[in-house]
Amino acid sequence: MADASAARTRAVFEFKSATLPLIAVILKTADLGVLAEALDAQLADSPDFFEQEPVVIDLSQLPDDDADAGDALDFAALRSLLARHQTQPVAVRGGSDAQHAAARAAGLSITAMPVAPAPRPAAPPAEAVAEAPQIVREVPVPANGTLVIDKPLRSGQQVYARGGDVIVTALVSFGAEVIADGNVHVYAPLRGKAIAGARGDTTARIFTTCMEAQLVAIAGIYRTSEVALPAEIAGQAARISLDGKKIVMDPIR
């Protein structure tokens, strides 16, 4: 009888590990009032961007002077705040033991997901870093090795294609980031940051139909908009590659 019951149980369900796309909200302040204002401003023009996607709350970049306040974070209120923007907070990463205990009490789990690699050649002003959360879409690429994004990426939003290429068919706004371990294709204006070969692939390429990028980088070598684009590249279709330790831009005719 016990054997029959066990057989029925095995047929009904299985436990398997799963690799899922997740949004990481990287907090830069423990002040929920400041956070609410920043999120409202950042997501005002794309209220349905997340479509009830799961969210990980990242505490690893809270400023040192926020440590005491961070230990007292109201995770229930934080969950409600993020849910207001069409997300489903499910876990916390980083932070202290006290924060982990408070997060568990609010129904959140504790995880240790990897953070997307991204060069930071020019830091924004300290006050901006302290107040603005970073929104990172961490997505393992499908089996065919290519992730396709068909929605505009707004300032502060980041997509990282772990293990493959990424194709974006909509606007990449100033302040947004597209990152891939392989190639980056943007079939729309590229105004933010495009980072290919994020884990050191020097053969990776960046392609765009309208080159207006704030930053392009391949395997850690980058070029920013502080260096004016050549006339044949600015606003035009372009291919960006790496020649030794030099970024090379060629027009696509």
C-alpha atoms as a PDB file:
ATOM      1  CA  MET A   1       0.000   0.000   0.000  1.00  0.00           C
ATOM      2  CA  ALA A   2       2.817   2.387   0.881  1.00  0.00           C
ATOM      3  CA  ASP A   3       4.566   1.593  -2.412  1.00  0.00           C
ATOM      4  CA  ALA A   4       1.416   2.406  -4.382  1.00  0.00           C
ATOM      5  CA  SER A   5       0.999   5.710  -2.539  1.00  0.00           C
ATOM      6  CA  ALA A   6       4.623   6.658  -3.246  1.00  0.00           C
ATOM      7  CA  ALA A   7       4.164   5.849  -6.935  1.00  0.00           C
ATOM      8  CA  ARG A   8       1.087   8.097  -7.154  1.00  0.00           C
ATOM      9  CA  THR A   9       3.025  10.935  -5.458  1.00  0.00           C
ATOM     10  CA  ARG A  10       5.888  10.664  -7.926  1.00  0.00           C
ATOM     11  CA  ALA A  11       3.458  10.849 -10.828  1.00  0.00           C
ATOM     12  CA  VAL A  12       1.749  13.998  -9.529  1.00  0.00           C
ATOM     13  CA  PHE A  13       4.718  16.374  -9.156  1.00  0.00           C
ATOM     14  CA  GLU A  14       8.481  16.785  -9.431  1.00  0.00           C
ATOM     15  CA  PHE A  15      10.973  19.196  -7.879  1.00  0.00           C
ATOM     16  CA  LYS A  16      13.482  20.555 -10.396  1.00  0.00           C
ATOM     17  CA  SER A  17      15.855  23.483 -10.393  1.00  0.00           C
ATOM     18  CA  ALA A  18      14.862  26.302 -12.756  1.00  0.00           C
ATOM     19  CA  THR A  19      16.679  29.264 -14.238  1.00  0.00           C
ATOM     20  CA  LEU A  20      14.209  32.135 -14.391  1.00  0.00           C
ATOM     21  CA  PRO A  21      14.378  35.724 -15.649  1.00  0.00           C
ATOM     22  CA  LEU A  22      14.302  38.094 -12.684  1.00  0.00           C
ATOM     23  CA  ILE A  23      14.307  41.822 -12.066  1.00  0.00           C
ATOM     24  CA  ALA A  24      16.804  43.022  -9.459  1.00  0.00           C
ATOM     25  CA  VAL A  25      16.063  46.353  -7.795  1.00  0.00           C
ATOM     26  CA  ILE A  26      19.392  47.539  -6.380  1.00  0.00           C
ATOM     27  CA  LEU A  27      18.647  49.960  -3.536  1.00  0.00           C
ATOM     28  CA  LYS A  28      20.869  53.017  -3.059  1.00  0.00           C
ATOM     29  CA  THR A  29      18.933  54.340  -0.045  1.00  0.00           C
ATOM     30  CA  ALA A  30      17.012  52.905   2.909  1.00  0.00           C
ATOM     31  CA  ASP A  31      14.621  55.885   2.905  1.00  0.00           C
ATOM     32  CA  LEU A  32      11.388  54.486   1.456  1.00  0.00           C
ATOM     33  CA  GLY A  33       9.984  57.973   0.872  1.00  0.00           C
ATOM     34  CA  VAL A  34      12.947  58.882  -1.326  1.00  0.00           C
ATOM     35  CA  LEU A  35      12.741  55.499  -3.023  1.00  0.00           C
ATOM     36  CA  ALA A  36       9.032  55.915  -3.773  1.00  0.00           C
ATOM     37  CA  GLU A  37       9.642  59.324  -5.360  1.00  0.00           C
ATOM     38  CA  ALA A  38      12.518  57.985  -7.487  1.00  0.00           C
ATOM     39  CA  LEU A  39      10.547  54.959  -8.689  1.00  0.00           C
ATOM     40  CA  ASP A  40       7.510  57.082  -9.565  1.00  0.00           C
ATOM     41  CA  ALA A  41       9.704  59.424 -11.615  1.00  0.00           C
ATOM     42  CA  GLN A  42      11.716  56.675 -13.298  1.00  0.00           C
ATOM     43  CA  LEU A  43       8.730  54.521 -14.290  1.00  0.00           C
ATOM     44  CA  ALA A  44       6.161  57.228 -14.960  1.00  0.00           C
ATOM     45  CA  ASP A  45       6.214  56.732 -18.736  1.00  0.00           C
ATOM     46  CA  SER A  46       6.254  52.905 -18.632  1.00  0.00           C
ATOM     47  CA  PRO A  47       3.816  51.854 -15.864  1.00  0.00           C
ATOM     48  CA  ASP A  48       3.290  48.352 -17.293  1.00  0.00           C
ATOM     49  CA  PHE A  49       6.926  47.599 -18.136  1.00  0.00           C
ATOM     50  CA  PHE A  50       7.273  44.770 -15.613  1.00  0.00           C
ATOM     51  CA  GLU A  51       3.929  42.984 -16.093  1.00  0.00           C
ATOM     52  CA  GLN A  52       3.920  41.339 -12.635  1.00  0.00           C
ATOM     53  CA  GLU A  53       7.439  39.915 -13.002  1.00  0.00           C
ATOM     54  CA  PRO A  54       9.331  38.503  -9.995  1.00  0.00           C
ATOM     55  CA  VAL A  55      11.719  40.914  -8.266  1.00  0.00           C
ATOM     56  CA  VAL A  56      14.799  40.463  -6.096  1.00  0.00           C
ATOM     57  CA  ILE A  57      15.563  43.308  -3.656  1.00  0.00           C
ATOM     58  CA  ASP A  58      19.323  43.903  -3.654  1.00  0.00           C
ATOM     59  CA  LEU A  59      20.709  45.540  -0.487  1.00  0.00           C
ATOM     60  CA  SER A  60      24.394  45.207  -1.373  1.00  0.00           C
ATOM     61  CA  GLN A  61      24.860  48.819  -2.446  1.00  0.00           C
ATOM     62  CA  LEU A  62      23.200  50.632   0.444  1.00  0.00           C
ATOM     63  CA  PRO A  63      25.590  53.411   1.563  1.00  0.00           C
ATOM     64  CA  ASP A  64      27.549  52.772   4.758  1.00  0.00           C
ATOM     65  CA  ASP A  65      25.794  55.624   6.529  1.00  0.00           C
ATOM     66  CA  ASP A  66      22.483  53.899   5.779  1.00  0.00           C
ATOM     67  CA  ALA A  67      23.522  50.716   7.588  1.00  0.00           C
ATOM     68  CA  ASP A  68      21.624  51.379  10.806  1.00  0.00           C
ATOM     69  CA  ALA A  69      18.554  52.611   8.962  1.00  0.00           C
ATOM     70  CA  GLY A  70      18.784  49.653   6.598  1.00  0.00           C
ATOM     71  CA  ASP A  71      18.597  47.208   9.503  1.00  0.00           C
ATOM     72  CA  ALA A  72      15.211  48.727  10.288  1.00  0.00           C
ATOM     73  CA  LEU A  73      13.851  48.524   6.723  1.00  0.00           C
ATOM     74  CA  ASP A  74      10.105  47.968   6.626  1.00  0.00           C
ATOM     75  CA  PHE A  75      10.082  45.096   4.149  1.00  0.00           C
ATOM     76  CA  ALA A  76       6.297  44.812   4.156  1.00  0.00           C
ATOM     77  CA  ALA A  77       6.040  48.456   3.072  1.00  0.00           C
ATOM     78  CA  LEU A  78       8.844  47.935   0.556  1.00  0.00           C
ATOM     79  CA  ARG A  79       6.981  44.969  -0.957  1.00  0.00           C
ATOM     80  CA  SER A  80       3.841  47.088  -1.293  1.00  0.00           C
ATOM     81  CA  LEU A  81       5.815  49.913  -2.896  1.00  0.00           C
ATOM     82  CA  LEU A  82       7.352  47.622  -5.515  1.00  0.00           C
ATOM     83  CA  ALA A  83       4.039  45.833  -6.119  1.00  0.00           C
ATOM     84  CA  ARG A  84       2.519  49.223  -6.960  1.00  0.00           C
ATOM     85  CA  HIS A  85       4.799  49.213 -10.001  1.00  0.00           C
ATOM     86  CA  GLN A  86       3.537  45.865 -11.296  1.00  0.00           C
ATOM     87  CA  THR A  87       6.270  43.680  -9.764  1.00  0.00           C
ATOM     88  CA  GLN A  88       6.174  40.670  -7.455  1.00  0.00           C
ATOM     89  CA  PRO A  89       8.964  40.887  -4.821  1.00  0.00           C
ATOM     90  CA  VAL A  90      10.079  37.364  -3.948  1.00  0.00           C
ATOM     91  CA  ALA A  91      13.520  37.563  -2.355  1.00  0.00           C
ATOM     92  CA  VAL A  92      16.319  39.652  -0.864  1.00  0.00           C
ATOM     93  CA  ARG A  93      20.038  39.421  -1.561  1.00  0.00           C
ATOM     94  CA  GLY A  94      22.898  41.119   0.261  1.00  0.00           C
ATOM     95  CA  GLY A  95      22.433  42.919   3.565  1.00  0.00           C
ATOM     96  CA  SER A  96      22.850  41.962   7.211  1.00  0.00           C
ATOM     97  CA  ASP A  97      21.523  39.112   9.338  1.00  0.00           C
ATOM     98  CA  ALA A  98      19.028  41.523  10.901  1.00  0.00           C
ATOM     99  CA  GLN A  99      17.766  42.521   7.460  1.00  0.00           C
ATOM    100  CA  HIS A 100      17.467  38.871   6.455  1.00  0.00           C
ATOM    101  CA  ALA A 101      15.390  38.137   9.540  1.00  0.00           C
ATOM    102  CA  ALA A 102      13.113  41.104   8.826  1.00  0.00           C
ATOM    103  CA  ALA A 103      12.794  40.077   5.171  1.00  0.00           C
ATOM    104  CA  ARG A 104      11.815  36.510   6.105  1.00  0.00           C
ATOM    105  CA  ALA A 105       9.244  37.884   8.545  1.00  0.00           C
ATOM    106  CA  ALA A 106       7.730  39.801   5.618  1.00  0.00           C
ATOM    107  CA  GLY A 107       7.477  36.629   3.543  1.00  0.00           C
ATOM    108  CA  LEU A 108      10.603  37.106   1.421  1.00  0.00           C
ATOM    109  CA  SER A 109      13.288  34.496   0.848  1.00  0.00           C
ATOM    110  CA  ILE A 110      17.059  35.084   0.897  1.00  0.00           C
ATOM    111  CA  THR A 111      19.089  34.445  -2.244  1.00  0.00           C
ATOM    112  CA  ALA A 112      22.597  34.979  -3.583  1.00  0.00           C
ATOM    113  CA  MET A 113      22.180  35.667  -7.296  1.00  0.00           C
ATOM    114  CA  PRO A 114      25.142  36.916  -9.360  1.00  0.00           C
ATOM    115  CA  VAL A 115      25.242  40.596 -10.239  1.00  0.00           C
ATOM    116  CA  ALA A 116      25.546  41.582 -13.884  1.00  0.00           C
ATOM    117  CA  PRO A 117      29.035  42.825 -14.769  1.00  0.00           C
ATOM    118  CA  ALA A 118      29.171  46.389 -16.067  1.00  0.00           C
ATOM    119  CA  PRO A 119      31.988  48.899 -16.370  1.00  0.00           C
ATOM    120  CA  ARG A 120      31.509  52.148 -14.453  1.00  0.00           C
ATOM    121  CA  PRO A 121      33.925  54.603 -16.075  1.00  0.00           C
ATOM    122  CA  ALA A 122      32.202  57.740 -14.891  1.00  0.00           C
ATOM    123  CA  ALA A 123      30.209  57.746 -11.663  1.00  0.00           C
ATOM    124  CA  PRO A 124      27.176  60.049 -11.417  1.00  0.00           C
ATOM    125  CA  PRO A 125      27.010  62.672  -8.685  1.00  0.00           C
ATOM    126  CA  ALA A 126      26.893  61.234  -5.165  1.00  0.00           C
ATOM    127  CA  GLU A 127      23.423  62.562  -4.486  1.00  0.00           C
ATOM    128  CA  ALA A 128      22.028  60.830  -7.585  1.00  0.00           C
ATOM    129  CA  VAL A 129      23.576  57.485  -6.601  1.00  0.00           C
ATOM    130  CA  ALA A 130      22.158  57.756  -3.102  1.00  0.00           C
ATOM    131  CA  GLU A 131      18.591  58.335  -4.234  1.00  0.00           C
ATOM    132  CA  ALA A 132      18.029  56.370  -7.443  1.00  0.00           C
ATOM    133  CA  PRO A 133      17.487  52.589  -7.421  1.00  0.00           C
ATOM    134  CA  GLN A 134      19.058  50.613 -10.240  1.00  0.00           C
ATOM    135  CA  ILE A 135      16.684  48.284 -12.020  1.00  0.00           C
ATOM    136  CA  VAL A 136      18.428  45.288 -13.562  1.00  0.00           C
ATOM    137  CA  ARG A 137      16.699  42.676 -15.689  1.00  0.00           C
ATOM    138  CA  GLU A 138      18.891  39.588 -15.295  1.00  0.00           C
ATOM    139  CA  VAL A 139      17.927  37.134 -18.008  1.00  0.00           C
ATOM    140  CA  PRO A 140      19.549  33.818 -18.904  1.00  0.00           C
ATOM    141  CA  VAL A 141      19.423  33.517 -22.686  1.00  0.00           C
ATOM    142  CA  PRO A 142      17.224  30.861 -24.322  1.00  0.00           C
ATOM    143  CA  ALA A 143      18.659  27.643 -25.715  1.00  0.00           C
ATOM    144  CA  ASN A 144      19.309  29.247 -29.098  1.00  0.00           C
ATOM    145  CA  GLY A 145      21.733  31.701 -27.448  1.00  0.00           C
ATOM    146  CA  THR A 146      19.797  34.920 -28.203  1.00  0.00           C
ATOM    147  CA  LEU A 147      17.599  37.055 -25.975  1.00  0.00           C
ATOM    148  CA  VAL A 148      15.076  39.337 -27.723  1.00  0.00           C
ATOM    149  CA  ILE A 149      13.756  42.504 -26.036  1.00  0.00           C
ATOM    150  CA  ASP A 150      10.903  44.254 -27.838  1.00  0.00           C
ATOM    151  CA  LYS A 151      10.081  46.978 -25.315  1.00  0.00           C
ATOM    152  CA  PRO A 152      11.790  50.374 -24.898  1.00  0.00           C
ATOM    153  CA  LEU A 153      14.410  50.544 -22.166  1.00  0.00           C
ATOM    154  CA  ARG A 154      14.059  53.649 -20.020  1.00  0.00           C
ATOM    155  CA  SER A 155      16.709  55.487 -18.033  1.00  0.00           C
ATOM    156  CA  GLY A 156      17.886  53.401 -15.077  1.00  0.00           C
ATOM    157  CA  GLN A 157      16.774  50.090 -16.597  1.00  0.00           C
ATOM    158  CA  GLN A 158      19.368  47.443 -17.424  1.00  0.00           C
ATOM    159  CA  VAL A 159      19.106  44.201 -19.371  1.00  0.00           C
ATOM    160  CA  TYR A 160      21.866  41.617 -19.075  1.00  0.00           C
ATOM    161  CA  ALA A 161      21.857  38.567 -21.368  1.00  0.00           C
ATOM    162  CA  ARG A 162      23.900  36.020 -19.449  1.00  0.00           C
ATOM    163  CA  GLY A 163      25.621  33.504 -21.700  1.00  0.00           C
ATOM    164  CA  GLY A 164      24.660  34.819 -25.141  1.00  0.00           C
ATOM    165  CA  ASP A 165      23.563  37.634 -27.438  1.00  0.00           C
ATOM    166  CA  VAL A 166      20.827  40.223 -27.022  1.00  0.00           C
ATOM    167  CA  ILE A 167      18.632  41.819 -29.697  1.00  0.00           C
ATOM    168  CA  VAL A 168      16.674  44.967 -28.826  1.00  0.00           C
ATOM    169  CA  THR A 169      14.036  46.115 -31.312  1.00  0.00           C
ATOM    170  CA  ALA A 170      13.012  49.282 -29.460  1.00  0.00           C
ATOM    171  CA  LEU A 171      14.587  52.489 -28.170  1.00  0.00           C
ATOM    172  CA  VAL A 172      17.431  52.273 -25.652  1.00  0.00           C
ATOM    173  CA  SER A 173      17.100  55.579 -23.798  1.00  0.00           C
ATOM    174  CA  PHE A 174      19.894  57.670 -22.322  1.00  0.00           C
ATOM    175  CA  GLY A 175      20.731  56.132 -18.938  1.00  0.00           C
ATOM    176  CA  ALA A 176      19.572  52.619 -19.918  1.00  0.00           C
ATOM    177  CA  GLU A 177      22.026  49.729 -20.323  1.00  0.00           C
ATOM    178  CA  VAL A 178      22.097  46.698 -22.615  1.00  0.00           C
ATOM    179  CA  ILE A 179      24.677  44.075 -21.613  1.00  0.00           C
ATOM    180  CA  ALA A 180      25.516  40.706 -23.144  1.00  0.00           C
ATOM    181  CA  ASP A 181      28.215  38.105 -22.768  1.00  0.00           C
ATOM    182  CA  GLY A 182      28.045  37.887 -26.572  1.00  0.00           C
ATOM    183  CA  ASN A 183      26.925  40.440 -29.168  1.00  0.00           C
ATOM    184  CA  VAL A 184      24.551  43.376 -28.749  1.00  0.00           C
ATOM    185  CA  HIS A 185      22.117  44.248 -31.558  1.00  0.00           C
ATOM    186  CA  VAL A 186      19.928  47.355 -31.277  1.00  0.00           C
ATOM    187  CA  TYR A 187      17.525  47.827 -34.196  1.00  0.00           C
ATOM    188  CA  ALA A 188      16.457  51.259 -33.003  1.00  0.00           C
ATOM    189  CA  PRO A 189      18.153  54.401 -31.640  1.00  0.00           C
ATOM    190  CA  LEU A 190      20.906  53.462 -29.183  1.00  0.00           C
ATOM    191  CA  ARG A 191      21.208  56.398 -26.773  1.00  0.00           C
ATOM    192  CA  GLY A 192      22.202  54.654 -23.551  1.00  0.00           C
ATOM    193  CA  LYS A 193      24.990  52.160 -22.875  1.00  0.00           C
ATOM    194  CA  ALA A 194      25.753  49.018 -24.874  1.00  0.00           C
ATOM    195  CA  ILE A 195      28.212  46.511 -23.387  1.00  0.00           C
ATOM    196  CA  ALA A 196      29.201  43.405 -25.363  1.00  0.00           C
ATOM    197  CA  GLY A 197      31.598  40.640 -24.365  1.00  0.00           C
ATOM    198  CA  ALA A 198      30.811  41.365 -20.716  1.00  0.00           C
ATOM    199  CA  ARG A 199      32.841  38.380 -19.538  1.00  0.00           C
ATOM    200  CA  GLY A 200      35.867  39.113 -21.692  1.00  0.00           C
ATOM    201  CA  ASP A 201      34.944  37.976 -25.231  1.00  0.00           C
ATOM    202  CA  THR A 202      37.076  40.261 -27.417  1.00  0.00           C
ATOM    203  CA  THR A 203      35.364  39.006 -30.596  1.00  0.00           C
ATOM    204  CA  ALA A 204      31.963  40.338 -29.519  1.00  0.00           C
ATOM    205  CA  ARG A 205      30.333  43.111 -31.548  1.00  0.00           C
ATOM    206  CA  ILE A 206      27.759  45.874 -31.115  1.00  0.00           C
ATOM    207  CA  PHE A 207      25.357  46.695 -33.962  1.00  0.00           C
ATOM    208  CA  THR A 208      22.814  49.506 -34.113  1.00  0.00           C
ATOM    209  CA  THR A 209      20.675  51.168 -36.760  1.00  0.00           C
ATOM    210  CA  CYS A 210      21.085  54.590 -35.104  1.00  0.00           C
ATOM    211  CA  MET A 211      24.308  55.262 -33.205  1.00  0.00           C
ATOM    212  CA  GLU A 212      23.825  57.893 -30.489  1.00  0.00           C
ATOM    213  CA  ALA A 213      25.280  55.916 -27.586  1.00  0.00           C
ATOM    214  CA  GLN A 214      26.247  57.351 -24.222  1.00  0.00           C
ATOM    215  CA  LEU A 215      28.800  54.522 -23.923  1.00  0.00           C
ATOM    216  CA  VAL A 216      29.863  51.462 -25.876  1.00  0.00           C
ATOM    217  CA  ALA A 217      32.146  48.790 -24.422  1.00  0.00           C
ATOM    218  CA  ILE A 218      33.569  45.447 -25.506  1.00  0.00           C
ATOM    219  CA  ALA A 219      35.411  43.149 -23.102  1.00  0.00           C
ATOM    220  CA  GLY A 220      35.981  46.023 -20.676  1.00  0.00           C
ATOM    221  CA  ILE A 221      37.329  48.494 -23.282  1.00  0.00           C
ATOM    222  CA  TYR A 222      34.961  51.428 -23.596  1.00  0.00           C
ATOM    223  CA  ARG A 223      34.324  54.702 -25.365  1.00  0.00           C
ATOM    224  CA  THR A 224      31.982  57.388 -24.050  1.00  0.00           C
ATOM    225  CA  SER A 225      30.039  60.201 -25.674  1.00  0.00           C
ATOM    226  CA  GLU A 226      32.641  62.645 -24.334  1.00  0.00           C
ATOM    227  CA  VAL A 227      34.530  61.794 -27.539  1.00  0.00           C
ATOM    228  CA  ALA A 228      32.488  63.140 -30.451  1.00  0.00           C
ATOM    229  CA  LEU A 229      31.308  60.567 -32.988  1.00  0.00           C
ATOM    230  CA  PRO A 230      32.557  60.861 -36.585  1.00  0.00           C
ATOM    231  CA  ALA A 231      30.018  62.394 -38.963  1.00  0.00           C
ATOM    232  CA  GLU A 232      29.589  59.108 -40.858  1.00  0.00           C
ATOM    233  CA  ILE A 233      28.735  57.311 -37.580  1.00  0.00           C
ATOM    234  CA  ALA A 234      26.618  59.792 -35.588  1.00  0.00           C
ATOM    235  CA  GLY A 235      22.941  58.931 -35.945  1.00  0.00           C
ATOM    236  CA  GLN A 236      23.732  56.263 -38.542  1.00  0.00           C
ATOM    237  CA  ALA A 237      23.793  52.479 -38.693  1.00  0.00           C
ATOM    238  CA  ALA A 238      27.086  51.271 -37.254  1.00  0.00           C
ATOM    239  CA  ARG A 239      29.128  48.239 -36.233  1.00  0.00           C
ATOM    240  CA  ILE A 240      31.392  48.512 -33.181  1.00  0.00           C
ATOM    241  CA  SER A 241      34.255  46.066 -32.683  1.00  0.00           C
ATOM    242  CA  LEU A 242      37.532  45.767 -30.818  1.00  0.00           C
ATOM    243  CA  ASP A 243      40.969  46.055 -32.424  1.00  0.00           C
ATOM    244  CA  GLY A 244      43.461  45.147 -29.724  1.00  0.00           C
ATOM    245  CA  LYS A 245      42.630  47.654 -26.990  1.00  0.00           C
ATOM    246  CA  LYS A 246      40.891  50.152 -29.262  1.00  0.00           C
ATOM    247  CA  ILE A 247      37.185  50.545 -29.990  1.00  0.00           C
ATOM    248  CA  VAL A 248      36.575  50.665 -33.760  1.00  0.00           C
ATOM    249  CA  MET A 249      33.356  52.011 -35.304  1.00  0.00           C
ATOM    250  CA  ASP A 250      32.413  51.317 -38.912  1.00  0.00           C
ATOM    251  CA  PRO A 251      29.332  52.554 -40.784  1.00  0.00           C
ATOM    252  CA  ILE A 252      26.918  49.945 -42.111  1.00  0.00           C
ATOM    253  CA  ARG A 253      25.979  50.856 -45.665  1.00  0.00           C
END
